[in-house]
């Protein structure tokens, strides 16, 4: 009876150990900074794939320039397998707002996305 109880515990540990290796997540870093003209901004994206342990891989780190009110889009890869980064800066009553989004597509399906909106002063 004692051996019977130990087998399921070992199987569960093996299954969990196998799952740990397949866990993948992504991290986005976005920096918005003034550029050249008064209403022009540079947006630096960095998308990092985080694997098990300390495994990190920067997938893309594009830079786009945009002016207030115009969306900037940069894509890497294609519609089936790629990354799309979007940014738009808006101004309302003197306050600036940066809205950014990142999408990861694999086999034609969006498998991950992140979006954020941040208000800031000029």
PDB file of N, CA and C in Angstrom:
ATOM      1  N   UNK A   1       0.811  -1.190   0.000  1.00  0.00           N
ATOM      2  CA  UNK A   1       0.000   0.000   0.000  1.00  0.00           C
ATOM      3  C   UNK A   1       0.859   1.261   0.000  1.00  0.00           C
ATOM      4  N   UNK A   2       1.969   1.210   0.684  1.00  0.00           N
ATOM      5  CA  UNK A   2       2.851   2.362   0.740  1.00  0.00           C
ATOM      6  C   UNK A   2       3.392   2.713  -0.654  1.00  0.00           C
ATOM      7  N   UNK A   3       3.805   1.710  -1.442  1.00  0.00           N
ATOM      8  CA  UNK A   3       4.308   1.965  -2.792  1.00  0.00           C
ATOM      9  C   UNK A   3       3.229   2.538  -3.700  1.00  0.00           C
ATOM     10  N   UNK A   4       1.983   2.119  -3.545  1.00  0.00           N
ATOM     11  CA  UNK A   4       0.888   2.620  -4.366  1.00  0.00           C
ATOM     12  C   UNK A   4       0.718   4.126  -4.178  1.00  0.00           C
ATOM     13  N   UNK A   5       0.853   4.632  -2.993  1.00  0.00           N
ATOM     14  CA  UNK A   5       0.702   6.063  -2.722  1.00  0.00           C
ATOM     15  C   UNK A   5       1.871   6.872  -3.275  1.00  0.00           C
ATOM     16  N   UNK A   6       3.037   6.302  -3.334  1.00  0.00           N
ATOM     17  CA  UNK A   6       4.190   7.046  -3.818  1.00  0.00           C
ATOM     18  C   UNK A   6       4.153   7.235  -5.329  1.00  0.00           C
ATOM     19  N   UNK A   7       3.606   6.331  -6.074  1.00  0.00           N
ATOM     20  CA  UNK A   7       3.593   6.429  -7.536  1.00  0.00           C
ATOM     21  C   UNK A   7       2.823   7.663  -8.016  1.00  0.00           C
ATOM     22  N   UNK A   8       1.580   7.914  -7.545  1.00  0.00           N
ATOM     23  CA  UNK A   8       0.890   9.117  -8.018  1.00  0.00           C
ATOM     24  C   UNK A   8       1.635  10.400  -7.688  1.00  0.00           C
ATOM     25  N   UNK A   9       2.280  10.460  -6.552  1.00  0.00           N
ATOM     26  CA  UNK A   9       3.024  11.664  -6.190  1.00  0.00           C
ATOM     27  C   UNK A   9       4.180  11.882  -7.165  1.00  0.00           C
ATOM     28  N   UNK A  10       4.887  10.860  -7.509  1.00  0.00           N
ATOM     29  CA  UNK A  10       5.995  10.982  -8.460  1.00  0.00           C
ATOM     30  C   UNK A  10       5.478  11.399  -9.829  1.00  0.00           C
ATOM     31  N   UNK A  11       4.363  10.842 -10.278  1.00  0.00           N
ATOM     32  CA  UNK A  11       3.796  11.215 -11.573  1.00  0.00           C
ATOM     33  C   UNK A  11       3.393  12.684 -11.587  1.00  0.00           C
ATOM     34  N   UNK A  12       2.801  13.148 -10.512  1.00  0.00           N
ATOM     35  CA  UNK A  12       2.400  14.552 -10.446  1.00  0.00           C
ATOM     36  C   UNK A  12       3.631  15.448 -10.528  1.00  0.00           C
ATOM     37  N   UNK A  13       4.685  15.111  -9.840  1.00  0.00           N
ATOM     38  CA  UNK A  13       5.899  15.917  -9.899  1.00  0.00           C
ATOM     39  C   UNK A  13       6.492  15.926 -11.303  1.00  0.00           C
ATOM     40  N   UNK A  14       6.465  14.786 -11.988  1.00  0.00           N
ATOM     41  CA  UNK A  14       6.979  14.743 -13.358  1.00  0.00           C
ATOM     42  C   UNK A  14       6.134  15.593 -14.295  1.00  0.00           C
ATOM     43  N   UNK A  15       4.823  15.539 -14.147  1.00  0.00           N
ATOM     44  CA  UNK A  15       3.938  16.351 -14.988  1.00  0.00           C
ATOM     45  C   UNK A  15       4.180  17.828 -14.719  1.00  0.00           C
ATOM     46  N   UNK A  16       4.270  18.212 -13.441  1.00  0.00           N
ATOM     47  CA  UNK A  16       4.518  19.616 -13.119  1.00  0.00           C
ATOM     48  C   UNK A  16       5.885  20.069 -13.614  1.00  0.00           C
ATOM     49  N   UNK A  17       6.872  19.215 -13.518  1.00  0.00           N
ATOM     50  CA  UNK A  17       8.201  19.578 -14.009  1.00  0.00           C
ATOM     51  C   UNK A  17       8.162  19.794 -15.519  1.00  0.00           C
ATOM     52  N   UNK A  18       7.415  18.982 -16.239  1.00  0.00           N
ATOM     53  CA  UNK A  18       7.278  19.149 -17.679  1.00  0.00           C
ATOM     54  C   UNK A  18       6.567  20.436 -18.028  1.00  0.00           C
ATOM     55  N   UNK A  19       5.581  20.834 -17.241  1.00  0.00           N
ATOM     56  CA  UNK A  19       4.846  22.071 -17.497  1.00  0.00           C
ATOM     57  C   UNK A  19       5.719  23.296 -17.272  1.00  0.00           C
ATOM     58  N   UNK A  20       6.594  23.225 -16.290  1.00  0.00           N
ATOM     59  CA  UNK A  20       7.431  24.382 -15.980  1.00  0.00           C
ATOM     60  C   UNK A  20       8.275  24.779 -17.177  1.00  0.00           C
ATOM     61  N   UNK A  21       8.757  23.827 -17.947  1.00  0.00           N
ATOM     62  CA  UNK A  21       9.602  24.131 -19.087  1.00  0.00           C
ATOM     63  C   UNK A  21       8.833  24.801 -20.218  1.00  0.00           C
ATOM     64  N   UNK A  22       7.511  24.605 -20.270  1.00  0.00           N
ATOM     65  CA  UNK A  22       6.739  25.165 -21.369  1.00  0.00           C
ATOM     66  C   UNK A  22       6.134  26.528 -21.033  1.00  0.00           C
ATOM     67  N   UNK A  23       6.310  27.010 -19.815  1.00  0.00           N
ATOM     68  CA  UNK A  23       5.742  28.300 -19.438  1.00  0.00           C
ATOM     69  C   UNK A  23       6.555  29.411 -20.095  1.00  0.00           C
ATOM     70  N   UNK A  24       5.866  30.229 -20.875  1.00  0.00           N
ATOM     71  CA  UNK A  24       6.508  31.352 -21.547  1.00  0.00           C
ATOM     72  C   UNK A  24       5.636  32.576 -21.332  1.00  0.00           C
ATOM     73  N   UNK A  25       6.250  33.682 -21.037  1.00  0.00           N
ATOM     74  CA  UNK A  25       5.512  34.931 -20.929  1.00  0.00           C
ATOM     75  C   UNK A  25       6.316  36.018 -21.641  1.00  0.00           C
ATOM     76  N   UNK A  26       5.713  37.184 -21.756  1.00  0.00           N
ATOM     77  CA  UNK A  26       6.353  38.284 -22.454  1.00  0.00           C
ATOM     78  C   UNK A  26       6.345  39.511 -21.558  1.00  0.00           C
ATOM     79  N   UNK A  27       7.322  40.367 -21.755  1.00  0.00           N
ATOM     80  CA  UNK A  27       7.404  41.618 -21.015  1.00  0.00           C
ATOM     81  C   UNK A  27       7.597  42.739 -22.013  1.00  0.00           C
ATOM     82  N   UNK A  28       6.860  43.828 -21.838  1.00  0.00           N
ATOM     83  CA  UNK A  28       7.043  44.979 -22.717  1.00  0.00           C
ATOM     84  C   UNK A  28       7.598  46.149 -21.917  1.00  0.00           C
ATOM     85  N   UNK A  29       8.479  46.877 -22.545  1.00  0.00           N
ATOM     86  CA  UNK A  29       8.990  48.134 -22.005  1.00  0.00           C
ATOM     87  C   UNK A  29       8.769  49.180 -23.082  1.00  0.00           C
ATOM     88  N   UNK A  30       8.190  50.304 -22.697  1.00  0.00           N
ATOM     89  CA  UNK A  30       7.921  51.372 -23.648  1.00  0.00           C
ATOM     90  C   UNK A  30       8.407  52.687 -23.053  1.00  0.00           C
ATOM     91  N   UNK A  31       9.177  53.439 -23.842  1.00  0.00           N
ATOM     92  CA  UNK A  31       9.653  54.752 -23.414  1.00  0.00           C
ATOM     93  C   UNK A  31       9.207  55.770 -24.452  1.00  0.00           C
ATOM     94  N   UNK A  32       8.509  56.816 -23.982  1.00  0.00           N
ATOM     95  CA  UNK A  32       8.056  57.900 -24.851  1.00  0.00           C
ATOM     96  C   UNK A  32       8.871  59.134 -24.495  1.00  0.00           C
ATOM     97  N   UNK A  33       9.462  59.762 -25.519  1.00  0.00           N
ATOM     98  CA  UNK A  33      10.265  60.953 -25.256  1.00  0.00           C
ATOM     99  C   UNK A  33      10.069  61.980 -26.369  1.00  0.00           C
ATOM    100  N   UNK A  34      10.230  63.261 -26.026  1.00  0.00           N
ATOM    101  CA  UNK A  34      10.081  64.316 -27.035  1.00  0.00           C
ATOM    102  C   UNK A  34      11.132  64.157 -28.134  1.00  0.00           C
ATOM    103  N   UNK A  35      10.758  64.552 -29.334  1.00  0.00           N
ATOM    104  CA  UNK A  35      11.682  64.481 -30.467  1.00  0.00           C
ATOM    105  C   UNK A  35      11.545  65.748 -31.293  1.00  0.00           C
ATOM    106  N   UNK A  36      12.623  66.233 -31.806  1.00  0.00           N
ATOM    107  CA  UNK A  36      12.640  67.350 -32.756  1.00  0.00           C
ATOM    108  C   UNK A  36      11.614  68.435 -32.524  1.00  0.00           C
ATOM    109  N   UNK A  37      10.528  68.376 -33.276  1.00  0.00           N
ATOM    110  CA  UNK A  37       9.499  69.410 -33.227  1.00  0.00           C
ATOM    111  C   UNK A  37       8.687  69.342 -31.940  1.00  0.00           C
ATOM    112  N   UNK A  38       7.955  70.412 -31.678  1.00  0.00           N
ATOM    113  CA  UNK A  38       7.160  70.545 -30.451  1.00  0.00           C
ATOM    114  C   UNK A  38       6.152  69.407 -30.271  1.00  0.00           C
ATOM    115  N   UNK A  39       5.468  68.999 -31.327  1.00  0.00           N
ATOM    116  CA  UNK A  39       4.419  67.981 -31.218  1.00  0.00           C
ATOM    117  C   UNK A  39       4.887  66.600 -31.665  1.00  0.00           C
ATOM    118  N   UNK A  40       6.192  66.380 -31.768  1.00  0.00           N
ATOM    119  CA  UNK A  40       6.729  65.104 -32.243  1.00  0.00           C
ATOM    120  C   UNK A  40       7.323  64.321 -31.070  1.00  0.00           C
ATOM    121  N   UNK A  41       7.087  62.994 -31.088  1.00  0.00           N
ATOM    122  CA  UNK A  41       7.573  62.119 -30.016  1.00  0.00           C
ATOM    123  C   UNK A  41       8.188  60.849 -30.587  1.00  0.00           C
ATOM    124  N   UNK A  42       9.182  60.335 -29.884  1.00  0.00           N
ATOM    125  CA  UNK A  42       9.804  59.056 -30.211  1.00  0.00           C
ATOM    126  C   UNK A  42       9.274  58.028 -29.215  1.00  0.00           C
ATOM    127  N   UNK A  43       8.899  56.865 -29.727  1.00  0.00           N
ATOM    128  CA  UNK A  43       8.418  55.777 -28.873  1.00  0.00           C
ATOM    129  C   UNK A  43       9.336  54.579 -29.099  1.00  0.00           C
ATOM    130  N   UNK A  44      10.002  54.160 -28.026  1.00  0.00           N
ATOM    131  CA  UNK A  44      10.888  52.992 -28.072  1.00  0.00           C
ATOM    132  C   UNK A  44      10.188  51.823 -27.396  1.00  0.00           C
ATOM    133  N   UNK A  45      10.025  50.741 -28.143  1.00  0.00           N
ATOM    134  CA  UNK A  45       9.418  49.518 -27.619  1.00  0.00           C
ATOM    135  C   UNK A  45      10.507  48.480 -27.387  1.00  0.00           C
ATOM    136  N   UNK A  46      10.283  47.603 -26.435  1.00  0.00           N
ATOM    137  CA  UNK A  46      11.137  46.418 -26.284  1.00  0.00           C
ATOM    138  C   UNK A  46      10.243  45.279 -25.807  1.00  0.00           C
ATOM    139  N   UNK A  47      10.199  44.213 -26.586  1.00  0.00           N
ATOM    140  CA  UNK A  47       9.421  43.025 -26.236  1.00  0.00           C
ATOM    141  C   UNK A  47      10.398  41.911 -25.915  1.00  0.00           C
ATOM    142  N   UNK A  48      10.301  41.394 -24.696  1.00  0.00           N
ATOM    143  CA  UNK A  48      11.199  40.345 -24.227  1.00  0.00           C
ATOM    144  C   UNK A  48      10.394  39.087 -23.936  1.00  0.00           C
ATOM    145  N   UNK A  49      10.870  37.970 -24.446  1.00  0.00           N
ATOM    146  CA  UNK A  49      10.261  36.668 -24.163  1.00  0.00           C
ATOM    147  C   UNK A  49      10.942  36.111 -22.916  1.00  0.00           C
ATOM    148  N   UNK A  50      10.139  35.777 -21.901  1.00  0.00           N
ATOM    149  CA  UNK A  50      10.663  35.249 -20.650  1.00  0.00           C
ATOM    150  C   UNK A  50      10.381  33.764 -20.582  1.00  0.00           C
ATOM    151  N   UNK A  51      11.427  32.987 -20.507  1.00  0.00           N
ATOM    152  CA  UNK A  51      11.285  31.540 -20.429  1.00  0.00           C
ATOM    153  C   UNK A  51      11.472  31.075 -18.998  1.00  0.00           C
ATOM    154  N   UNK A  52      11.636  29.789 -18.817  1.00  0.00           N
ATOM    155  CA  UNK A  52      11.831  29.260 -17.475  1.00  0.00           C
ATOM    156  C   UNK A  52      13.155  29.752 -16.874  1.00  0.00           C
ATOM    157  N   UNK A  53      13.168  29.897 -15.565  1.00  0.00           N
ATOM    158  CA  UNK A  53      14.377  30.374 -14.896  1.00  0.00           C
ATOM    159  C   UNK A  53      14.662  31.815 -15.270  1.00  0.00           C
ATOM    160  N   UNK A  54      15.900  32.093 -15.603  1.00  0.00           N
ATOM    161  CA  UNK A  54      16.315  33.446 -15.980  1.00  0.00           C
ATOM    162  C   UNK A  54      16.433  33.612 -17.487  1.00  0.00           C
ATOM    163  N   UNK A  55      15.835  32.712 -18.261  1.00  0.00           N
ATOM    164  CA  UNK A  55      15.937  32.743 -19.714  1.00  0.00           C
ATOM    165  C   UNK A  55      15.158  33.934 -20.268  1.00  0.00           C
ATOM    166  N   UNK A  56      15.858  34.885 -20.885  1.00  0.00           N
ATOM    167  CA  UNK A  56      15.238  36.071 -21.485  1.00  0.00           C
ATOM    168  C   UNK A  56      15.767  36.242 -22.901  1.00  0.00           C
ATOM    169  N   UNK A  57      14.863  36.606 -23.811  1.00  0.00           N
ATOM    170  CA  UNK A  57      15.258  36.824 -25.202  1.00  0.00           C
ATOM    171  C   UNK A  57      14.515  38.047 -25.728  1.00  0.00           C
ATOM    172  N   UNK A  58      15.245  39.089 -26.111  1.00  0.00           N
ATOM    173  CA  UNK A  58      14.619  40.275 -26.704  1.00  0.00           C
ATOM    174  C   UNK A  58      14.187  39.897 -28.113  1.00  0.00           C
ATOM    175  N   UNK A  59      12.880  39.953 -28.363  1.00  0.00           N
ATOM    176  CA  UNK A  59      12.347  39.588 -29.674  1.00  0.00           C
ATOM    177  C   UNK A  59      12.409  40.747 -30.650  1.00  0.00           C
ATOM    178  N   UNK A  60      11.980  41.916 -30.197  1.00  0.00           N
ATOM    179  CA  UNK A  60      12.023  43.114 -31.036  1.00  0.00           C
ATOM    180  C   UNK A  60      12.276  44.324 -30.150  1.00  0.00           C
ATOM    181  N   UNK A  61      12.875  45.339 -30.739  1.00  0.00           N
ATOM    182  CA  UNK A  61      13.066  46.606 -30.022  1.00  0.00           C
ATOM    183  C   UNK A  61      12.968  47.756 -31.026  1.00  0.00           C
ATOM    184  N   UNK A  62      11.786  47.933 -31.599  1.00  0.00           N
ATOM    185  CA  UNK A  62      11.621  48.972 -32.616  1.00  0.00           C
ATOM    186  C   UNK A  62      11.465  50.372 -32.020  1.00  0.00           C
ATOM    187  N   UNK A  63      11.743  51.350 -32.860  1.00  0.00           N
ATOM    188  CA  UNK A  63      11.562  52.765 -32.506  1.00  0.00           C
ATOM    189  C   UNK A  63      10.684  53.390 -33.579  1.00  0.00           C
ATOM    190  N   UNK A  64       9.679  54.148 -33.144  1.00  0.00           N
ATOM    191  CA  UNK A  64       8.832  54.875 -34.088  1.00  0.00           C
ATOM    192  C   UNK A  64       8.762  56.337 -33.668  1.00  0.00           C
ATOM    193  N   UNK A  65       8.521  57.180 -34.643  1.00  0.00           N
ATOM    194  CA  UNK A  65       8.295  58.593 -34.360  1.00  0.00           C
ATOM    195  C   UNK A  65       6.881  58.925 -34.783  1.00  0.00           C
ATOM    196  N   UNK A  66       6.238  59.753 -33.976  1.00  0.00           N
ATOM    197  CA  UNK A  66       4.863  60.132 -34.262  1.00  0.00           C
ATOM    198  C   UNK A  66       4.632  61.575 -33.828  1.00  0.00           C
ATOM    199  N   UNK A  67       3.586  62.154 -34.347  1.00  0.00           N
ATOM    200  CA  UNK A  67       3.167  63.483 -33.912  1.00  0.00           C
ATOM    201  C   UNK A  67       1.823  63.338 -33.200  1.00  0.00           C
ATOM    202  N   UNK A  68       1.509  64.311 -32.394  1.00  0.00           N
ATOM    203  CA  UNK A  68       0.274  64.262 -31.621  1.00  0.00           C
ATOM    204  C   UNK A  68      -0.911  64.002 -32.557  1.00  0.00           C
ATOM    205  N   UNK A  69      -1.718  63.012 -32.193  1.00  0.00           N
ATOM    206  CA  UNK A  69      -2.935  62.696 -32.931  1.00  0.00           C
ATOM    207  C   UNK A  69      -2.780  61.683 -34.054  1.00  0.00           C
ATOM    208  N   UNK A  70      -1.557  61.273 -34.366  1.00  0.00           N
ATOM    209  CA  UNK A  70      -1.349  60.296 -35.435  1.00  0.00           C
ATOM    210  C   UNK A  70      -0.806  58.991 -34.865  1.00  0.00           C
ATOM    211  N   UNK A  71      -1.479  57.897 -35.185  1.00  0.00           N
ATOM    212  CA  UNK A  71      -1.024  56.595 -34.713  1.00  0.00           C
ATOM    213  C   UNK A  71       0.201  56.139 -35.500  1.00  0.00           C
ATOM    214  N   UNK A  72       1.177  55.613 -34.781  1.00  0.00           N
ATOM    215  CA  UNK A  72       2.372  55.030 -35.409  1.00  0.00           C
ATOM    216  C   UNK A  72       2.311  53.521 -35.205  1.00  0.00           C
ATOM    217  N   UNK A  73       2.606  52.773 -36.275  1.00  0.00           N
ATOM    218  CA  UNK A  73       2.565  51.310 -36.216  1.00  0.00           C
ATOM    219  C   UNK A  73       3.850  50.767 -36.815  1.00  0.00           C
ATOM    220  N   UNK A  74       4.425  49.784 -36.137  1.00  0.00           N
ATOM    221  CA  UNK A  74       5.587  49.094 -36.678  1.00  0.00           C
ATOM    222  C   UNK A  74       5.351  47.603 -36.486  1.00  0.00           C
ATOM    223  N   UNK A  75       5.667  46.823 -37.529  1.00  0.00           N
ATOM    224  CA  UNK A  75       5.438  45.388 -37.484  1.00  0.00           C
ATOM    225  C   UNK A  75       6.714  44.641 -37.835  1.00  0.00           C
ATOM    226  N   UNK A  76       6.895  43.520 -37.143  1.00  0.00           N
ATOM    227  CA  UNK A  76       8.004  42.626 -37.450  1.00  0.00           C
ATOM    228  C   UNK A  76       7.434  41.264 -37.782  1.00  0.00           C
ATOM    229  N   UNK A  77       7.968  40.612 -38.780  1.00  0.00           N
ATOM    230  CA  UNK A  77       7.410  39.332 -39.211  1.00  0.00           C
ATOM    231  C   UNK A  77       6.272  39.567 -40.181  1.00  0.00           C
ATOM    232  N   UNK A  78       5.298  38.649 -40.157  1.00  0.00           N
ATOM    233  CA  UNK A  78       4.140  38.796 -41.037  1.00  0.00           C
ATOM    234  C   UNK A  78       2.858  38.569 -40.238  1.00  0.00           C
ATOM    235  N   UNK A  79       1.723  38.520 -40.939  1.00  0.00           N
ATOM    236  CA  UNK A  79       0.441  38.348 -40.248  1.00  0.00           C
ATOM    237  C   UNK A  79       0.315  36.997 -39.563  1.00  0.00           C
ATOM    238  N   UNK A  80       1.027  35.997 -40.041  1.00  0.00           N
ATOM    239  CA  UNK A  80       0.965  34.657 -39.454  1.00  0.00           C
ATOM    240  C   UNK A  80       1.819  34.540 -38.190  1.00  0.00           C
ATOM    241  N   UNK A  81       3.023  35.062 -38.244  1.00  0.00           N
ATOM    242  CA  UNK A  81       3.975  34.976 -37.136  1.00  0.00           C
ATOM    243  C   UNK A  81       4.714  36.301 -37.024  1.00  0.00           C
ATOM    244  N   UNK A  82       4.341  37.102 -36.059  1.00  0.00           N
ATOM    245  CA  UNK A  82       5.019  38.383 -35.937  1.00  0.00           C
ATOM    246  C   UNK A  82       4.617  39.167 -34.718  1.00  0.00           C
ATOM    247  N   UNK A  83       5.112  40.396 -34.678  1.00  0.00           N
ATOM    248  CA  UNK A  83       4.854  41.317 -33.577  1.00  0.00           C
ATOM    249  C   UNK A  83       4.412  42.640 -34.171  1.00  0.00           C
ATOM    250  N   UNK A  84       3.402  43.232 -33.582  1.00  0.00           N
ATOM    251  CA  UNK A  84       2.916  44.536 -34.006  1.00  0.00           C
ATOM    252  C   UNK A  84       2.946  45.476 -32.805  1.00  0.00           C
ATOM    253  N   UNK A  85       3.535  46.675 -32.977  1.00  0.00           N
ATOM    254  CA  UNK A  85       3.608  47.677 -31.916  1.00  0.00           C
ATOM    255  C   UNK A  85       2.898  48.935 -32.400  1.00  0.00           C
ATOM    256  N   UNK A  86       2.038  49.482 -31.555  1.00  0.00           N
ATOM    257  CA  UNK A  86       1.263  50.666 -31.930  1.00  0.00           C
ATOM    258  C   UNK A  86       1.376  51.734 -30.847  1.00  0.00           C
ATOM    259  N   UNK A  87       1.385  53.003 -31.258  1.00  0.00           N
ATOM    260  CA  UNK A  87       1.450  54.108 -30.301  1.00  0.00           C
ATOM    261  C   UNK A  87       0.697  55.304 -30.857  1.00  0.00           C
ATOM    262  N   UNK A  88       0.017  56.005 -29.969  1.00  0.00           N
ATOM    263  CA  UNK A  88      -0.610  57.272 -30.338  1.00  0.00           C
ATOM    264  C   UNK A  88      -0.508  58.213 -29.134  1.00  0.00           C
ATOM    265  N   UNK A  89      -0.141  59.448 -29.424  1.00  0.00           N
ATOM    266  CA  UNK A  89      -0.040  60.483 -28.399  1.00  0.00           C
ATOM    267  C   UNK A  89      -1.200  61.444 -28.643  1.00  0.00           C
ATOM    268  N   UNK A  90      -1.967  61.735 -27.608  1.00  0.00           N
ATOM    269  CA  UNK A  90      -3.075  62.681 -27.725  1.00  0.00           C
ATOM    270  C   UNK A  90      -2.891  63.796 -26.699  1.00  0.00           C
ATOM    271  N   UNK A  91      -3.543  64.911 -26.986  1.00  0.00           N
ATOM    272  CA  UNK A  91      -3.457  66.069 -26.090  1.00  0.00           C
ATOM    273  C   UNK A  91      -4.868  66.572 -25.828  1.00  0.00           C
ATOM    274  N   UNK A  92      -5.237  66.640 -24.547  1.00  0.00           N
ATOM    275  CA  UNK A  92      -6.558  67.123 -24.154  1.00  0.00           C
ATOM    276  C   UNK A  92      -6.391  68.113 -23.012  1.00  0.00           C
ATOM    277  N   UNK A  93      -6.848  69.336 -23.227  1.00  0.00           N
ATOM    278  CA  UNK A  93      -6.749  70.388 -22.207  1.00  0.00           C
ATOM    279  C   UNK A  93      -5.319  70.535 -21.687  1.00  0.00           C
ATOM    280  N   UNK A  94      -4.355  70.445 -22.565  1.00  0.00           N
ATOM    281  CA  UNK A  94      -2.959  70.625 -22.194  1.00  0.00           C
ATOM    282  C   UNK A  94      -2.274  69.390 -21.638  1.00  0.00           C
ATOM    283  N   UNK A  95      -3.048  68.348 -21.317  1.00  0.00           N
ATOM    284  CA  UNK A  95      -2.457  67.118 -20.780  1.00  0.00           C
ATOM    285  C   UNK A  95      -2.177  66.147 -21.920  1.00  0.00           C
ATOM    286  N   UNK A  96      -1.020  65.529 -21.896  1.00  0.00           N
ATOM    287  CA  UNK A  96      -0.642  64.553 -22.915  1.00  0.00           C
ATOM    288  C   UNK A  96      -0.930  63.143 -22.421  1.00  0.00           C
ATOM    289  N   UNK A  97      -1.335  62.299 -23.357  1.00  0.00           N
ATOM    290  CA  UNK A  97      -1.630  60.909 -23.042  1.00  0.00           C
ATOM    291  C   UNK A  97      -0.991  60.034 -24.107  1.00  0.00           C
ATOM    292  N   UNK A  98      -0.241  59.030 -23.666  1.00  0.00           N
ATOM    293  CA  UNK A  98       0.384  58.075 -24.586  1.00  0.00           C
ATOM    294  C   UNK A  98      -0.312  56.735 -24.433  1.00  0.00           C
ATOM    295  N   UNK A  99      -0.851  56.235 -25.539  1.00  0.00           N
ATOM    296  CA  UNK A  99      -1.487  54.910 -25.542  1.00  0.00           C
ATOM    297  C   UNK A  99      -0.643  54.001 -26.428  1.00  0.00           C
ATOM    298  N   UNK A 100      -0.226  52.863 -25.868  1.00  0.00           N
ATOM    299  CA  UNK A 100       0.611  51.929 -26.614  1.00  0.00           C
ATOM    300  C   UNK A 100       0.018  50.525 -26.522  1.00  0.00           C
ATOM    301  N   UNK A 101       0.303  49.721 -27.535  1.00  0.00           N
ATOM    302  CA  UNK A 101      -0.160  48.330 -27.551  1.00  0.00           C
ATOM    303  C   UNK A 101       0.861  47.477 -28.302  1.00  0.00           C
ATOM    304  N   UNK A 102       1.000  46.238 -27.835  1.00  0.00           N
ATOM    305  CA  UNK A 102       1.891  45.273 -28.474  1.00  0.00           C
ATOM    306  C   UNK A 102       1.115  43.977 -28.649  1.00  0.00           C
ATOM    307  N   UNK A 103       1.195  43.372 -29.849  1.00  0.00           N
ATOM    308  CA  UNK A 103       0.507  42.121 -30.151  1.00  0.00           C
ATOM    309  C   UNK A 103       1.510  41.107 -30.684  1.00  0.00           C
ATOM    310  N   UNK A 104       1.407  39.871 -30.203  1.00  0.00           N
ATOM    311  CA  UNK A 104       2.238  38.776 -30.703  1.00  0.00           C
ATOM    312  C   UNK A 104       1.314  37.793 -31.409  1.00  0.00           C
ATOM    313  N   UNK A 105       1.645  37.436 -32.653  1.00  0.00           N
ATOM    314  CA  UNK A 105       0.833  36.523 -33.452  1.00  0.00           C
ATOM    315  C   UNK A 105       1.649  35.283 -33.797  1.00  0.00           C
ATOM    316  N   UNK A 106       1.040  34.117 -33.619  1.00  0.00           N
ATOM    317  CA  UNK A 106       1.667  32.843 -34.005  1.00  0.00           C
ATOM    318  C   UNK A 106       0.621  32.027 -34.751  1.00  0.00           C
ATOM    319  N   UNK A 107       0.999  31.479 -35.878  1.00  0.00           N
ATOM    320  CA  UNK A 107       0.099  30.675 -36.705  1.00  0.00           C
ATOM    321  C   UNK A 107      -1.203  31.407 -37.004  1.00  0.00           C
ATOM    322  N   UNK A 108      -1.118  32.719 -37.230  1.00  0.00           N
ATOM    323  CA  UNK A 108      -2.276  33.515 -37.606  1.00  0.00           C
ATOM    324  C   UNK A 108      -3.201  33.892 -36.462  1.00  0.00           C
ATOM    325  N   UNK A 109      -2.838  33.552 -35.222  1.00  0.00           N
ATOM    326  CA  UNK A 109      -3.675  33.861 -34.058  1.00  0.00           C
ATOM    327  C   UNK A 109      -2.919  34.753 -33.086  1.00  0.00           C
ATOM    328  N   UNK A 110      -3.617  35.749 -32.535  1.00  0.00           N
ATOM    329  CA  UNK A 110      -2.996  36.575 -31.502  1.00  0.00           C
ATOM    330  C   UNK A 110      -2.869  35.727 -30.244  1.00  0.00           C
ATOM    331  N   UNK A 111      -1.635  35.533 -29.812  1.00  0.00           N
ATOM    332  CA  UNK A 111      -1.426  34.697 -28.633  1.00  0.00           C
ATOM    333  C   UNK A 111      -1.116  35.520 -27.395  1.00  0.00           C
ATOM    334  N   UNK A 112      -0.816  36.822 -27.585  1.00  0.00           N
ATOM    335  CA  UNK A 112      -0.482  37.662 -26.440  1.00  0.00           C
ATOM    336  C   UNK A 112      -0.623  39.108 -26.850  1.00  0.00           C
ATOM    337  N   UNK A 113      -1.108  39.925 -25.910  1.00  0.00           N
ATOM    338  CA  UNK A 113      -1.172  41.360 -26.165  1.00  0.00           C
ATOM    339  C   UNK A 113      -1.072  42.117 -24.845  1.00  0.00           C
ATOM    340  N   UNK A 114      -0.615  43.335 -24.940  1.00  0.00           N
ATOM    341  CA  UNK A 114      -0.537  44.218 -23.778  1.00  0.00           C
ATOM    342  C   UNK A 114      -0.812  45.630 -24.264  1.00  0.00           C
ATOM    343  N   UNK A 115      -1.532  46.397 -23.461  1.00  0.00           N
ATOM    344  CA  UNK A 115      -1.823  47.786 -23.811  1.00  0.00           C
ATOM    345  C   UNK A 115      -1.770  48.628 -22.541  1.00  0.00           C
ATOM    346  N   UNK A 116      -1.365  49.871 -22.715  1.00  0.00           N
ATOM    347  CA  UNK A 116      -1.339  50.772 -21.570  1.00  0.00           C
ATOM    348  C   UNK A 116      -1.545  52.194 -22.044  1.00  0.00           C
ATOM    349  N   UNK A 117      -2.089  52.995 -21.158  1.00  0.00           N
ATOM    350  CA  UNK A 117      -2.256  54.429 -21.421  1.00  0.00           C
ATOM    351  C   UNK A 117      -1.692  55.179 -20.222  1.00  0.00           C
ATOM    352  N   UNK A 118      -0.839  56.148 -20.505  1.00  0.00           N
ATOM    353  CA  UNK A 118      -0.177  56.901 -19.455  1.00  0.00           C
ATOM    354  C   UNK A 118      -0.333  58.386 -19.751  1.00  0.00           C
ATOM    355  N   UNK A 119      -0.695  59.161 -18.729  1.00  0.00           N
ATOM    356  CA  UNK A 119      -0.750  60.627 -18.864  1.00  0.00           C
ATOM    357  C   UNK A 119       0.558  61.218 -18.387  1.00  0.00           C
ATOM    358  N   UNK A 120       1.001  62.312 -19.046  1.00  0.00           N
ATOM    359  CA  UNK A 120       2.236  62.949 -18.635  1.00  0.00           C
ATOM    360  C   UNK A 120       2.205  64.417 -19.050  1.00  0.00           C
ATOM    361  N   UNK A 121       3.110  65.204 -18.504  1.00  0.00           N
ATOM    362  CA  UNK A 121       3.229  66.630 -18.828  1.00  0.00           C
ATOM    363  C   UNK A 121       4.359  66.826 -19.823  1.00  0.00           C
ATOM    364  N   UNK A 122       4.235  67.909 -20.609  1.00  0.00           N
ATOM    365  CA  UNK A 122       5.285  68.227 -21.581  1.00  0.00           C
ATOM    366  C   UNK A 122       6.512  68.725 -20.886  1.00  0.00           C
TER     367      UNK A 122
END
